[in-house]
Amino acid sequence: MPEIDIRIVKQEDLSVMIELDHSYKTNHILRMEVNEEGNQINTSFHQVRLPRTTTIQYPRDEDNLIHSWQLCTSIYVGTIRGEIVSYIGLEEISPSSVVRIRDIVVSPSYRRMGIASGLIFSAEKWAASRKYSLMILEMQPKNDPAIHLARKLGYSFSGFQNRFYPNQEMAVFFEKYIS
């Protein structure tokens, strides 16, 4: 992992954060299947390989990103040699003892270097210091890189919500108990 400095966001960072490329590439998606039989409703998700690598746009446009940031309790940026290359937005959900990661973005040229993992580890440490016991990650079911990262870091699937994002896309949630 490159030497990254993680610090609290400053007002002047917001314009740089907006300009980061929030899109991502994926080869897989999670497809939801619902099966209703009698008194039972079963929902399952299956990983489906796409015919080619696809670039997916982030589910929040500029106005919705700003609104999302306003809901965050804390936002941290990751910098390398003074350049902002990533950020993570955290929302404390009280009194349920939960911290939700609303947004996590890494500039494409710095992806797959452990930066997102570092941001999440820092967020977990921050949450634990505030006596929170549960972290939740939200993402689109199309975001295979984020799903793999969540599972690699010990997060477990915990649910979904249709029309969660401003663009009306579904979100899937992964959670991890922290101490």
Foldseek 3Di string as FASTA:
>chain_A
DADKDKDFDDPVCLVVVLPFQQKDKFQWFWDWDWDDDDPDIDIDTDIDGHPDIDIGHALAHPVRVVVLQVQFPTKMFIDDPRHTFKMWGWHDDPPQLEIETPDIGGHVVCPPVCPSVVRVVVVLVVSVVVVRFKYKYKDARRPVVVVVVCVVVPWAWDAKDALPGPNRGIITMTMDTGD
